[in-house]
Amino acid sequence: MKWGWSVALAIAIAAPAFAQSPVRPVPAADSSVARSWTHEGTWVGAVTGGLAFGVGFYHFTHRTGAPNTAAGDLGGALVGTAIGAAGGALLGAFVGALIPKHKPSAEVGTRN
């Protein structure tokens, strides 16, 4: 316990320095983030990956000739769904980020 007080003292001295650091928000006008299909790609990837991996893991956990139980089969499907949804969401977000959204035009549907 020789170092306990010195560590606590160092934290107590350093805490106000971090609390007083200047943090300025970025103005909204300066941010030029390109619109993309990331959000939609995440959902499509999660649902597709979850379904595919859920069916696949159910197939591999339900073996012919082996003692199959509902808990084992559904547990495998649940694990597969979770893994597939997580991986699919990441892949879908990555692919969606590569596809830019077009700006809506005010002249769409009008004729001259």
PDB file of N, CA and C in Angstrom:
ATOM      1  N   MET A   1       0.823  -1.198   0.000  1.00  0.00           N
ATOM      2  CA  MET A   1       0.000   0.000   0.000  1.00  0.00           C
ATOM      3  C   MET A   1       0.864   1.257   0.000  1.00  0.00           C
ATOM      4  N   LYS A   2       2.144   1.065  -0.255  1.00  0.00           N
ATOM      5  CA  LYS A   2       3.047   2.196  -0.279  1.00  0.00           C
ATOM      6  C   LYS A   2       2.722   3.133  -1.448  1.00  0.00           C
ATOM      7  N   TRP A   3       2.316   2.558  -2.600  1.00  0.00           N
ATOM      8  CA  TRP A   3       2.054   3.357  -3.797  1.00  0.00           C
ATOM      9  C   TRP A   3       0.597   3.817  -3.892  1.00  0.00           C
ATOM     10  N   GLY A   4      -0.278   3.330  -3.056  1.00  0.00           N
ATOM     11  CA  GLY A   4      -1.691   3.650  -3.149  1.00  0.00           C
ATOM     12  C   GLY A   4      -1.982   5.135  -3.019  1.00  0.00           C
ATOM     13  N   TRP A   5      -1.373   5.788  -2.048  1.00  0.00           N
ATOM     14  CA  TRP A   5      -1.638   7.212  -1.835  1.00  0.00           C
ATOM     15  C   TRP A   5      -1.050   8.068  -2.939  1.00  0.00           C
ATOM     16  N   SER A   6       0.095   7.673  -3.442  1.00  0.00           N
ATOM     17  CA  SER A   6       0.710   8.490  -4.492  1.00  0.00           C
ATOM     18  C   SER A   6      -0.072   8.379  -5.801  1.00  0.00           C
ATOM     19  N   VAL A   7      -0.617   7.215  -6.095  1.00  0.00           N
ATOM     20  CA  VAL A   7      -1.436   7.051  -7.292  1.00  0.00           C
ATOM     21  C   VAL A   7      -2.718   7.855  -7.156  1.00  0.00           C
ATOM     22  N   ALA A   8      -3.353   7.790  -5.990  1.00  0.00           N
ATOM     23  CA  ALA A   8      -4.575   8.560  -5.769  1.00  0.00           C
ATOM     24  C   ALA A   8      -4.297  10.053  -5.847  1.00  0.00           C
ATOM     25  N   LEU A   9      -3.171  10.492  -5.348  1.00  0.00           N
ATOM     26  CA  LEU A   9      -2.801  11.902  -5.414  1.00  0.00           C
ATOM     27  C   LEU A   9      -2.548  12.333  -6.854  1.00  0.00           C
ATOM     28  N   ALA A  10      -1.887  11.487  -7.636  1.00  0.00           N
ATOM     29  CA  ALA A  10      -1.628  11.813  -9.040  1.00  0.00           C
ATOM     30  C   ALA A  10      -2.927  11.921  -9.828  1.00  0.00           C
ATOM     31  N   ILE A  11      -3.878  11.042  -9.551  1.00  0.00           N
ATOM     32  CA  ILE A  11      -5.175  11.096 -10.230  1.00  0.00           C
ATOM     33  C   ILE A  11      -5.931  12.356  -9.820  1.00  0.00           C
ATOM     34  N   ALA A  12      -5.884  12.702  -8.553  1.00  0.00           N
ATOM     35  CA  ALA A  12      -6.584  13.889  -8.069  1.00  0.00           C
ATOM     36  C   ALA A  12      -5.988  15.166  -8.660  1.00  0.00           C
ATOM     37  N   ILE A  13      -4.689  15.193  -8.901  1.00  0.00           N
ATOM     38  CA  ILE A  13      -4.049  16.369  -9.484  1.00  0.00           C
ATOM     39  C   ILE A  13      -4.324  16.433 -10.987  1.00  0.00           C
ATOM     40  N   ALA A  14      -4.321  15.282 -11.665  1.00  0.00           N
ATOM     41  CA  ALA A  14      -4.487  15.256 -13.119  1.00  0.00           C
ATOM     42  C   ALA A  14      -5.937  15.436 -13.549  1.00  0.00           C
ATOM     43  N   ALA A  15      -6.903  15.091 -12.717  1.00  0.00           N
ATOM     44  CA  ALA A  15      -8.311  15.157 -13.109  1.00  0.00           C
ATOM     45  C   ALA A  15      -8.759  16.563 -13.504  1.00  0.00           C
ATOM     46  N   PRO A  16      -8.437  17.605 -12.752  1.00  0.00           N
ATOM     47  CA  PRO A  16      -8.872  18.938 -13.191  1.00  0.00           C
ATOM     48  C   PRO A  16      -8.242  19.368 -14.511  1.00  0.00           C
ATOM     49  N   ALA A  17      -7.037  18.908 -14.806  1.00  0.00           N
ATOM     50  CA  ALA A  17      -6.395  19.279 -16.064  1.00  0.00           C
ATOM     51  C   ALA A  17      -7.176  18.710 -17.245  1.00  0.00           C
ATOM     52  N   PHE A  18      -7.673  17.495 -17.132  1.00  0.00           N
ATOM     53  CA  PHE A  18      -8.476  16.899 -18.204  1.00  0.00           C
ATOM     54  C   PHE A  18      -9.854  17.550 -18.280  1.00  0.00           C
ATOM     55  N   ALA A  19     -10.406  17.916 -17.137  1.00  0.00           N
ATOM     56  CA  ALA A  19     -11.736  18.517 -17.119  1.00  0.00           C
ATOM     57  C   ALA A  19     -11.732  19.911 -17.741  1.00  0.00           C
ATOM     58  N   GLN A  20     -10.607  20.600 -17.714  1.00  0.00           N
ATOM     59  CA  GLN A  20     -10.543  21.953 -18.228  1.00  0.00           C
ATOM     60  C   GLN A  20      -9.957  22.030 -19.634  1.00  0.00           C
ATOM     61  N   SER A  21      -9.772  20.889 -20.289  1.00  0.00           N
ATOM     62  CA  SER A  21      -9.203  20.932 -21.628  1.00  0.00           C
ATOM     63  C   SER A  21     -10.220  21.530 -22.595  1.00  0.00           C
ATOM     64  N   PRO A  22      -9.750  22.346 -23.523  1.00  0.00           N
ATOM     65  CA  PRO A  22     -10.680  23.006 -24.443  1.00  0.00           C
ATOM     66  C   PRO A  22     -11.215  22.018 -25.480  1.00  0.00           C
ATOM     67  N   VAL A  23     -12.508  21.834 -25.470  1.00  0.00           N
ATOM     68  CA  VAL A  23     -13.158  20.964 -26.447  1.00  0.00           C
ATOM     69  C   VAL A  23     -14.164  21.815 -27.194  1.00  0.00           C
ATOM     70  N   ARG A  24     -13.940  21.968 -28.479  1.00  0.00           N
ATOM     71  CA  ARG A  24     -14.837  22.774 -29.286  1.00  0.00           C
ATOM     72  C   ARG A  24     -15.573  21.886 -30.268  1.00  0.00           C
ATOM     73  N   PRO A  25     -16.892  22.006 -30.346  1.00  0.00           N
ATOM     74  CA  PRO A  25     -17.625  21.199 -31.313  1.00  0.00           C
ATOM     75  C   PRO A  25     -17.368  21.672 -32.742  1.00  0.00           C
ATOM     76  N   VAL A  26     -17.460  20.750 -33.657  1.00  0.00           N
ATOM     77  CA  VAL A  26     -17.280  21.094 -35.061  1.00  0.00           C
ATOM     78  C   VAL A  26     -18.577  21.700 -35.575  1.00  0.00           C
ATOM     79  N   PRO A  27     -18.527  22.842 -36.197  1.00  0.00           N
ATOM     80  CA  PRO A  27     -19.754  23.436 -36.725  1.00  0.00           C
ATOM     81  C   PRO A  27     -20.355  22.561 -37.818  1.00  0.00           C
ATOM     82  N   ALA A  28     -21.670  22.555 -37.892  1.00  0.00           N
ATOM     83  CA  ALA A  28     -22.357  21.718 -38.864  1.00  0.00           C
ATOM     84  C   ALA A  28     -22.081  22.161 -40.289  1.00  0.00           C
ATOM     85  N   ALA A  29     -21.838  23.432 -40.504  1.00  0.00           N
ATOM     86  CA  ALA A  29     -21.598  23.937 -41.854  1.00  0.00           C
ATOM     87  C   ALA A  29     -20.256  23.468 -42.409  1.00  0.00           C
ATOM     88  N   ASP A  30     -19.308  23.184 -41.527  1.00  0.00           N
ATOM     89  CA  ASP A  30     -17.991  22.757 -41.984  1.00  0.00           C
ATOM     90  C   ASP A  30     -17.919  21.264 -42.306  1.00  0.00           C
ATOM     91  N   SER A  31     -18.890  20.513 -41.868  1.00  0.00           N
ATOM     92  CA  SER A  31     -18.822  19.074 -42.096  1.00  0.00           C
ATOM     93  C   SER A  31     -19.388  18.755 -43.477  1.00  0.00           C
ATOM     94  N   SER A  32     -18.583  18.127 -44.274  1.00  0.00           N
ATOM     95  CA  SER A  32     -19.000  17.747 -45.618  1.00  0.00           C
ATOM     96  C   SER A  32     -18.935  16.226 -45.734  1.00  0.00           C
ATOM     97  N   VAL A  33     -19.851  15.564 -45.087  1.00  0.00           N
ATOM     98  CA  VAL A  33     -19.896  14.110 -45.106  1.00  0.00           C
ATOM     99  C   VAL A  33     -20.744  13.678 -46.290  1.00  0.00           C
ATOM    100  N   ALA A  34     -20.189  12.839 -47.110  1.00  0.00           N
ATOM    101  CA  ALA A  34     -20.931  12.353 -48.266  1.00  0.00           C
ATOM    102  C   ALA A  34     -22.004  11.367 -47.821  1.00  0.00           C
ATOM    103  N   ARG A  35     -23.187  11.493 -48.405  1.00  0.00           N
ATOM    104  CA  ARG A  35     -24.272  10.579 -48.081  1.00  0.00           C
ATOM    105  C   ARG A  35     -24.021   9.255 -48.782  1.00  0.00           C
ATOM    106  N   SER A  36     -24.257   8.155 -48.066  1.00  0.00           N
ATOM    107  CA  SER A  36     -24.045   6.839 -48.654  1.00  0.00           C
ATOM    108  C   SER A  36     -25.133   5.889 -48.163  1.00  0.00           C
ATOM    109  N   TRP A  37     -25.067   4.675 -48.624  1.00  0.00           N
ATOM    110  CA  TRP A  37     -26.047   3.646 -48.287  1.00  0.00           C
ATOM    111  C   TRP A  37     -25.573   2.774 -47.118  1.00  0.00           C
ATOM    112  N   THR A  38     -24.801   3.322 -46.206  1.00  0.00           N
ATOM    113  CA  THR A  38     -24.246   2.542 -45.100  1.00  0.00           C
ATOM    114  C   THR A  38     -25.333   1.968 -44.203  1.00  0.00           C
ATOM    115  N   HIS A  39     -26.288   2.781 -43.819  1.00  0.00           N
ATOM    116  CA  HIS A  39     -27.335   2.331 -42.895  1.00  0.00           C
ATOM    117  C   HIS A  39     -28.165   1.207 -43.519  1.00  0.00           C
ATOM    118  N   GLU A  40     -28.572   1.402 -44.757  1.00  0.00           N
ATOM    119  CA  GLU A  40     -29.375   0.389 -45.428  1.00  0.00           C
ATOM    120  C   GLU A  40     -28.569  -0.886 -45.667  1.00  0.00           C
ATOM    121  N   GLY A  41     -27.299  -0.729 -46.028  1.00  0.00           N
ATOM    122  CA  GLY A  41     -26.436  -1.888 -46.241  1.00  0.00           C
ATOM    123  C   GLY A  41     -26.227  -2.691 -44.977  1.00  0.00           C
ATOM    124  N   THR A  42     -26.168  -2.007 -43.843  1.00  0.00           N
ATOM    125  CA  THR A  42     -26.026  -2.694 -42.565  1.00  0.00           C
ATOM    126  C   THR A  42     -27.226  -3.593 -42.291  1.00  0.00           C
ATOM    127  N   TRP A  43     -28.423  -3.055 -42.508  1.00  0.00           N
ATOM    128  CA  TRP A  43     -29.627  -3.856 -42.261  1.00  0.00           C
ATOM    129  C   TRP A  43     -29.754  -5.018 -43.231  1.00  0.00           C
ATOM    130  N   VAL A  44     -29.507  -4.761 -44.498  1.00  0.00           N
ATOM    131  CA  VAL A  44     -29.605  -5.839 -45.491  1.00  0.00           C
ATOM    132  C   VAL A  44     -28.577  -6.925 -45.186  1.00  0.00           C
ATOM    133  N   GLY A  45     -27.360  -6.530 -44.871  1.00  0.00           N
ATOM    134  CA  GLY A  45     -26.318  -7.502 -44.555  1.00  0.00           C
ATOM    135  C   GLY A  45     -26.615  -8.290 -43.299  1.00  0.00           C
ATOM    136  N   ALA A  46     -27.153  -7.632 -42.282  1.00  0.00           N
ATOM    137  CA  ALA A  46     -27.457  -8.323 -41.023  1.00  0.00           C
ATOM    138  C   ALA A  46     -28.572  -9.340 -41.209  1.00  0.00           C
ATOM    139  N   VAL A  47     -29.624  -8.961 -41.906  1.00  0.00           N
ATOM    140  CA  VAL A  47     -30.745  -9.888 -42.100  1.00  0.00           C
ATOM    141  C   VAL A  47     -30.324 -11.050 -42.999  1.00  0.00           C
ATOM    142  N   THR A  48     -29.660 -10.748 -44.100  1.00  0.00           N
ATOM    143  CA  THR A  48     -29.233 -11.798 -45.025  1.00  0.00           C
ATOM    144  C   THR A  48     -28.219 -12.728 -44.375  1.00  0.00           C
ATOM    145  N   GLY A  49     -27.214 -12.171 -43.720  1.00  0.00           N
ATOM    146  CA  GLY A  49     -26.208 -12.994 -43.058  1.00  0.00           C
ATOM    147  C   GLY A  49     -26.792 -13.814 -41.924  1.00  0.00           C
ATOM    148  N   GLY A  50     -27.708 -13.216 -41.158  1.00  0.00           N
ATOM    149  CA  GLY A  50     -28.346 -13.945 -40.064  1.00  0.00           C
ATOM    150  C   GLY A  50     -29.162 -15.120 -40.551  1.00  0.00           C
ATOM    151  N   LEU A  51     -29.938 -14.895 -41.610  1.00  0.00           N
ATOM    152  CA  LEU A  51     -30.737 -16.004 -42.162  1.00  0.00           C
ATOM    153  C   LEU A  51     -29.847 -17.098 -42.740  1.00  0.00           C
ATOM    154  N   ALA A  52     -28.861 -16.719 -43.523  1.00  0.00           N
ATOM    155  CA  ALA A  52     -27.996 -17.707 -44.166  1.00  0.00           C
ATOM    156  C   ALA A  52     -27.217 -18.529 -43.132  1.00  0.00           C
ATOM    157  N   PHE A  53     -26.606 -17.865 -42.174  1.00  0.00           N
ATOM    158  CA  PHE A  53     -25.816 -18.585 -41.183  1.00  0.00           C
ATOM    159  C   PHE A  53     -26.708 -19.360 -40.214  1.00  0.00           C
ATOM    160  N   GLY A  54     -27.890 -18.829 -39.905  1.00  0.00           N
ATOM    161  CA  GLY A  54     -28.821 -19.550 -39.040  1.00  0.00           C
ATOM    162  C   GLY A  54     -29.250 -20.866 -39.660  1.00  0.00           C
ATOM    163  N   VAL A  55     -29.617 -20.835 -40.935  1.00  0.00           N
ATOM    164  CA  VAL A  55     -30.004 -22.065 -41.641  1.00  0.00           C
ATOM    165  C   VAL A  55     -28.807 -23.004 -41.758  1.00  0.00           C
ATOM    166  N   GLY A  56     -27.651 -22.438 -42.076  1.00  0.00           N
ATOM    167  CA  GLY A  56     -26.451 -23.270 -42.204  1.00  0.00           C
ATOM    168  C   GLY A  56     -26.056 -23.944 -40.901  1.00  0.00           C
ATOM    169  N   PHE A  57     -26.059 -23.216 -39.799  1.00  0.00           N
ATOM    170  CA  PHE A  57     -25.691 -23.816 -38.517  1.00  0.00           C
ATOM    171  C   PHE A  57     -26.744 -24.815 -38.059  1.00  0.00           C
ATOM    172  N   TYR A  58     -28.014 -24.556 -38.357  1.00  0.00           N
ATOM    173  CA  TYR A  58     -29.055 -25.535 -38.023  1.00  0.00           C
ATOM    174  C   TYR A  58     -28.811 -26.828 -38.797  1.00  0.00           C
ATOM    175  N   HIS A  59     -28.452 -26.692 -40.056  1.00  0.00           N
ATOM    176  CA  HIS A  59     -28.186 -27.866 -40.882  1.00  0.00           C
ATOM    177  C   HIS A  59     -27.011 -28.672 -40.332  1.00  0.00           C
ATOM    178  N   PHE A  60     -25.944 -27.994 -39.903  1.00  0.00           N
ATOM    179  CA  PHE A  60     -24.771 -28.706 -39.414  1.00  0.00           C
ATOM    180  C   PHE A  60     -24.936 -29.245 -37.996  1.00  0.00           C
ATOM    181  N   THR A  61     -25.834 -28.663 -37.209  1.00  0.00           N
ATOM    182  CA  THR A  61     -26.039 -29.198 -35.857  1.00  0.00           C
ATOM    183  C   THR A  61     -27.087 -30.302 -35.837  1.00  0.00           C
ATOM    184  N   HIS A  62     -27.924 -30.390 -36.869  1.00  0.00           N
ATOM    185  CA  HIS A  62     -28.933 -31.456 -36.959  1.00  0.00           C
ATOM    186  C   HIS A  62     -28.378 -32.544 -37.871  1.00  0.00           C
ATOM    187  N   ARG A  63     -27.711 -33.508 -37.258  1.00  0.00           N
ATOM    188  CA  ARG A  63     -27.023 -34.541 -38.037  1.00  0.00           C
ATOM    189  C   ARG A  63     -27.839 -35.830 -38.061  1.00  0.00           C
ATOM    190  N   THR A  64     -27.795 -36.505 -39.177  1.00  0.00           N
ATOM    191  CA  THR A  64     -28.463 -37.786 -39.315  1.00  0.00           C
ATOM    192  C   THR A  64     -27.676 -38.847 -38.554  1.00  0.00           C
ATOM    193  N   GLY A  65     -28.377 -39.637 -37.766  1.00  0.00           N
ATOM    194  CA  GLY A  65     -27.729 -40.699 -37.012  1.00  0.00           C
ATOM    195  C   GLY A  65     -27.204 -40.263 -35.660  1.00  0.00           C
ATOM    196  N   ALA A  66     -27.229 -38.990 -35.368  1.00  0.00           N
ATOM    197  CA  ALA A  66     -26.751 -38.488 -34.078  1.00  0.00           C
ATOM    198  C   ALA A  66     -27.968 -38.174 -33.207  1.00  0.00           C
ATOM    199  N   PRO A  67     -27.786 -38.217 -31.888  1.00  0.00           N
ATOM    200  CA  PRO A  67     -28.909 -37.842 -31.023  1.00  0.00           C
ATOM    201  C   PRO A  67     -29.169 -36.335 -31.124  1.00  0.00           C
ATOM    202  N   ASN A  68     -30.264 -35.970 -31.768  1.00  0.00           N
ATOM    203  CA  ASN A  68     -30.610 -34.572 -31.966  1.00  0.00           C
ATOM    204  C   ASN A  68     -31.647 -34.143 -30.936  1.00  0.00           C
ATOM    205  N   THR A  69     -31.440 -32.975 -30.379  1.00  0.00           N
ATOM    206  CA  THR A  69     -32.402 -32.405 -29.443  1.00  0.00           C
ATOM    207  C   THR A  69     -32.813 -31.030 -29.963  1.00  0.00           C
ATOM    208  N   ALA A  70     -33.988 -30.612 -29.568  1.00  0.00           N
ATOM    209  CA  ALA A  70     -34.467 -29.293 -29.996  1.00  0.00           C
ATOM    210  C   ALA A  70     -33.553 -28.192 -29.469  1.00  0.00           C
ATOM    211  N   ALA A  71     -33.073 -28.356 -28.230  1.00  0.00           N
ATOM    212  CA  ALA A  71     -32.194 -27.340 -27.648  1.00  0.00           C
ATOM    213  C   ALA A  71     -30.882 -27.249 -28.420  1.00  0.00           C
ATOM    214  N   GLY A  72     -30.339 -28.383 -28.810  1.00  0.00           N
ATOM    215  CA  GLY A  72     -29.078 -28.378 -29.560  1.00  0.00           C
ATOM    216  C   GLY A  72     -29.243 -27.801 -30.948  1.00  0.00           C
ATOM    217  N   ASP A  73     -30.331 -28.174 -31.610  1.00  0.00           N
ATOM    218  CA  ASP A  73     -30.562 -27.668 -32.966  1.00  0.00           C
ATOM    219  C   ASP A  73     -30.842 -26.169 -32.959  1.00  0.00           C
ATOM    220  N   LEU A  74     -31.713 -25.725 -32.066  1.00  0.00           N
ATOM    221  CA  LEU A  74     -32.046 -24.306 -32.012  1.00  0.00           C
ATOM    222  C   LEU A  74     -30.895 -23.469 -31.466  1.00  0.00           C
ATOM    223  N   GLY A  75     -30.110 -24.077 -30.566  1.00  0.00           N
ATOM    224  CA  GLY A  75     -28.929 -23.367 -30.062  1.00  0.00           C
ATOM    225  C   GLY A  75     -27.918 -23.127 -31.165  1.00  0.00           C
ATOM    226  N   GLY A  76     -27.710 -24.131 -32.010  1.00  0.00           N
ATOM    227  CA  GLY A  76     -26.806 -23.961 -33.143  1.00  0.00           C
ATOM    228  C   GLY A  76     -27.316 -22.921 -34.110  1.00  0.00           C
ATOM    229  N   ALA A  77     -28.627 -22.943 -34.357  1.00  0.00           N
ATOM    230  CA  ALA A  77     -29.216 -21.943 -35.255  1.00  0.00           C
ATOM    231  C   ALA A  77     -29.095 -20.545 -34.668  1.00  0.00           C
ATOM    232  N   LEU A  78     -29.256 -20.413 -33.360  1.00  0.00           N
ATOM    233  CA  LEU A  78     -29.146 -19.101 -32.719  1.00  0.00           C
ATOM    234  C   LEU A  78     -27.715 -18.572 -32.792  1.00  0.00           C
ATOM    235  N   VAL A  79     -26.750 -19.442 -32.549  1.00  0.00           N
ATOM    236  CA  VAL A  79     -25.347 -19.030 -32.645  1.00  0.00           C
ATOM    237  C   VAL A  79     -25.014 -18.634 -34.081  1.00  0.00           C
ATOM    238  N   GLY A  80     -25.485 -19.437 -35.036  1.00  0.00           N
ATOM    239  CA  GLY A  80     -25.245 -19.109 -36.433  1.00  0.00           C
ATOM    240  C   GLY A  80     -25.881 -17.799 -36.841  1.00  0.00           C
ATOM    241  N   THR A  81     -27.090 -17.550 -36.354  1.00  0.00           N
ATOM    242  CA  THR A  81     -27.769 -16.294 -36.665  1.00  0.00           C
ATOM    243  C   THR A  81     -27.000 -15.107 -36.102  1.00  0.00           C
ATOM    244  N   ALA A  82     -26.510 -15.226 -34.884  1.00  0.00           N
ATOM    245  CA  ALA A  82     -25.760 -14.123 -34.270  1.00  0.00           C
ATOM    246  C   ALA A  82     -24.458 -13.854 -35.021  1.00  0.00           C
ATOM    247  N   ILE A  83     -23.733 -14.904 -35.353  1.00  0.00           N
ATOM    248  CA  ILE A  83     -22.462 -14.732 -36.071  1.00  0.00           C
ATOM    249  C   ILE A  83     -22.719 -14.164 -37.466  1.00  0.00           C
ATOM    250  N   GLY A  84     -23.710 -14.719 -38.145  1.00  0.00           N
ATOM    251  CA  GLY A  84     -24.015 -14.249 -39.493  1.00  0.00           C
ATOM    252  C   GLY A  84     -24.514 -12.822 -39.515  1.00  0.00           C
ATOM    253  N   ALA A  85     -25.334 -12.448 -38.534  1.00  0.00           N
ATOM    254  CA  ALA A  85     -25.850 -11.077 -38.485  1.00  0.00           C
ATOM    255  C   ALA A  85     -24.728 -10.083 -38.207  1.00  0.00           C
ATOM    256  N   ALA A  86     -23.831 -10.428 -37.312  1.00  0.00           N
ATOM    257  CA  ALA A  86     -22.721  -9.512 -36.998  1.00  0.00           C
ATOM    258  C   ALA A  86     -21.799  -9.350 -38.200  1.00  0.00           C
ATOM    259  N   GLY A  87     -21.403 -10.457 -38.796  1.00  0.00           N
ATOM    260  CA  GLY A  87     -20.533 -10.377 -39.965  1.00  0.00           C
ATOM    261  C   GLY A  87     -21.214  -9.722 -41.147  1.00  0.00           C
ATOM    262  N   GLY A  88     -22.479 -10.062 -41.374  1.00  0.00           N
ATOM    263  CA  GLY A  88     -23.223  -9.463 -42.478  1.00  0.00           C
ATOM    264  C   GLY A  88     -23.424  -7.967 -42.306  1.00  0.00           C
ATOM    265  N   ALA A  89     -23.648  -7.536 -41.073  1.00  0.00           N
ATOM    266  CA  ALA A  89     -23.814  -6.101 -40.817  1.00  0.00           C
ATOM    267  C   ALA A  89     -22.527  -5.345 -41.116  1.00  0.00           C
ATOM    268  N   LEU A  90     -21.400  -5.896 -40.715  1.00  0.00           N
ATOM    269  CA  LEU A  90     -20.125  -5.236 -40.997  1.00  0.00           C
ATOM    270  C   LEU A  90     -19.851  -5.190 -42.494  1.00  0.00           C
ATOM    271  N   LEU A  91     -20.078  -6.302 -43.173  1.00  0.00           N
ATOM    272  CA  LEU A  91     -19.848  -6.339 -44.608  1.00  0.00           C
ATOM    273  C   LEU A  91     -20.824  -5.419 -45.342  1.00  0.00           C
ATOM    274  N   GLY A  92     -22.091  -5.431 -44.921  1.00  0.00           N
ATOM    275  CA  GLY A  92     -23.080  -4.563 -45.545  1.00  0.00           C
ATOM    276  C   GLY A  92     -22.781  -3.092 -45.339  1.00  0.00           C
ATOM    277  N   ALA A  93     -22.307  -2.733 -44.164  1.00  0.00           N
ATOM    278  CA  ALA A  93     -21.944  -1.334 -43.901  1.00  0.00           C
ATOM    279  C   ALA A  93     -20.760  -0.918 -44.758  1.00  0.00           C
ATOM    280  N   PHE A  94     -19.806  -1.805 -44.920  1.00  0.00           N
ATOM    281  CA  PHE A  94     -18.639  -1.496 -45.746  1.00  0.00           C
ATOM    282  C   PHE A  94     -19.037  -1.303 -47.208  1.00  0.00           C
ATOM    283  N   VAL A  95     -19.823  -2.232 -47.729  1.00  0.00           N
ATOM    284  CA  VAL A  95     -20.254  -2.132 -49.124  1.00  0.00           C
ATOM    285  C   VAL A  95     -21.160  -0.923 -49.319  1.00  0.00           C
ATOM    286  N   GLY A  96     -22.074  -0.675 -48.372  1.00  0.00           N
ATOM    287  CA  GLY A  96     -22.955   0.483 -48.476  1.00  0.00           C
ATOM    288  C   GLY A  96     -22.213   1.797 -48.435  1.00  0.00           C
ATOM    289  N   ALA A  97     -21.107   1.846 -47.720  1.00  0.00           N
ATOM    290  CA  ALA A  97     -20.318   3.077 -47.647  1.00  0.00           C
ATOM    291  C   ALA A  97     -19.622   3.379 -48.963  1.00  0.00           C
ATOM    292  N   LEU A  98     -19.441   2.368 -49.798  1.00  0.00           N
ATOM    293  CA  LEU A  98     -18.786   2.571 -51.084  1.00  0.00           C
ATOM    294  C   LEU A  98     -19.736   3.124 -52.147  1.00  0.00           C
ATOM    295  N   ILE A  99     -21.041   3.061 -51.896  1.00  0.00           N
ATOM    296  CA  ILE A  99     -22.029   3.489 -52.884  1.00  0.00           C
ATOM    297  C   ILE A  99     -22.601   4.843 -52.455  1.00  0.00           C
ATOM    298  N   PRO A 100     -22.327   5.891 -53.207  1.00  0.00           N
ATOM    299  CA  PRO A 100     -22.844   7.219 -52.821  1.00  0.00           C
ATOM    300  C   PRO A 100     -24.317   7.365 -53.174  1.00  0.00           C
ATOM    301  N   LYS A 101     -25.015   8.135 -52.345  1.00  0.00           N
ATOM    302  CA  LYS A 101     -26.401   8.486 -52.647  1.00  0.00           C
ATOM    303  C   LYS A 101     -26.393   9.724 -53.525  1.00  0.00           C
ATOM    304  N   HIS A 102     -27.317   9.770 -54.451  1.00  0.00           N
ATOM    305  CA  HIS A 102     -27.429  10.935 -55.313  1.00  0.00           C
ATOM    306  C   HIS A 102     -28.243  12.008 -54.608  1.00  0.00           C
ATOM    307  N   LYS A 103     -27.901  13.237 -54.857  1.00  0.00           N
ATOM    308  CA  LYS A 103     -28.654  14.348 -54.269  1.00  0.00           C
ATOM    309  C   LYS A 103     -30.017  14.430 -54.943  1.00  0.00           C
ATOM    310  N   PRO A 104     -31.068  14.642 -54.164  1.00  0.00           N
ATOM    311  CA  PRO A 104     -32.388  14.769 -54.788  1.00  0.00           C
ATOM    312  C   PRO A 104     -32.455  16.036 -55.628  1.00  0.00           C
ATOM    313  N   SER A 105     -32.935  15.867 -56.816  1.00  0.00           N
ATOM    314  CA  SER A 105     -33.039  16.994 -57.723  1.00  0.00           C
ATOM    315  C   SER A 105     -34.444  17.576 -57.662  1.00  0.00           C
ATOM    316  N   ALA A 106     -34.536  18.901 -57.714  1.00  0.00           N
ATOM    317  CA  ALA A 106     -35.842  19.548 -57.680  1.00  0.00           C
ATOM    318  C   ALA A 106     -36.556  19.416 -59.020  1.00  0.00           C
ATOM    319  N   GLU A 107     -35.824  19.050 -60.052  1.00  0.00           N
ATOM    320  CA  GLU A 107     -36.402  18.973 -61.379  1.00  0.00           C
ATOM    321  C   GLU A 107     -36.810  17.548 -61.770  1.00  0.00           C
ATOM    322  N   VAL A 108     -36.779  16.618 -60.859  1.00  0.00           N
ATOM    323  CA  VAL A 108     -37.151  15.254 -61.184  1.00  0.00           C
ATOM    324  C   VAL A 108     -38.654  15.207 -61.433  1.00  0.00           C
ATOM    325  N   GLY A 109     -39.042  14.659 -62.578  1.00  0.00           N
ATOM    326  CA  GLY A 109     -40.447  14.513 -62.892  1.00  0.00           C
ATOM    327  C   GLY A 109     -41.068  15.721 -63.564  1.00  0.00           C
ATOM    328  N   THR A 110     -40.305  16.775 -63.801  1.00  0.00           N
ATOM    329  CA  THR A 110     -40.865  17.951 -64.477  1.00  0.00           C
ATOM    330  C   THR A 110     -40.382  17.968 -65.913  1.00  0.00           C
ATOM    331  N   ARG A 111     -41.204  18.513 -66.774  1.00  0.00           N
ATOM    332  CA  ARG A 111     -40.837  18.609 -68.190  1.00  0.00           C
ATOM    333  C   ARG A 111     -40.794  20.063 -68.603  1.00  0.00           C
ATOM    334  N   ASN A 112     -39.942  20.351 -69.537  1.00  0.00           N
ATOM    335  CA  ASN A 112     -39.843  21.719 -70.062  1.00  0.00           C
ATOM    336  C   ASN A 112     -40.714  21.861 -71.287  1.00  0.00           C
TER     337      ASN A 112
END
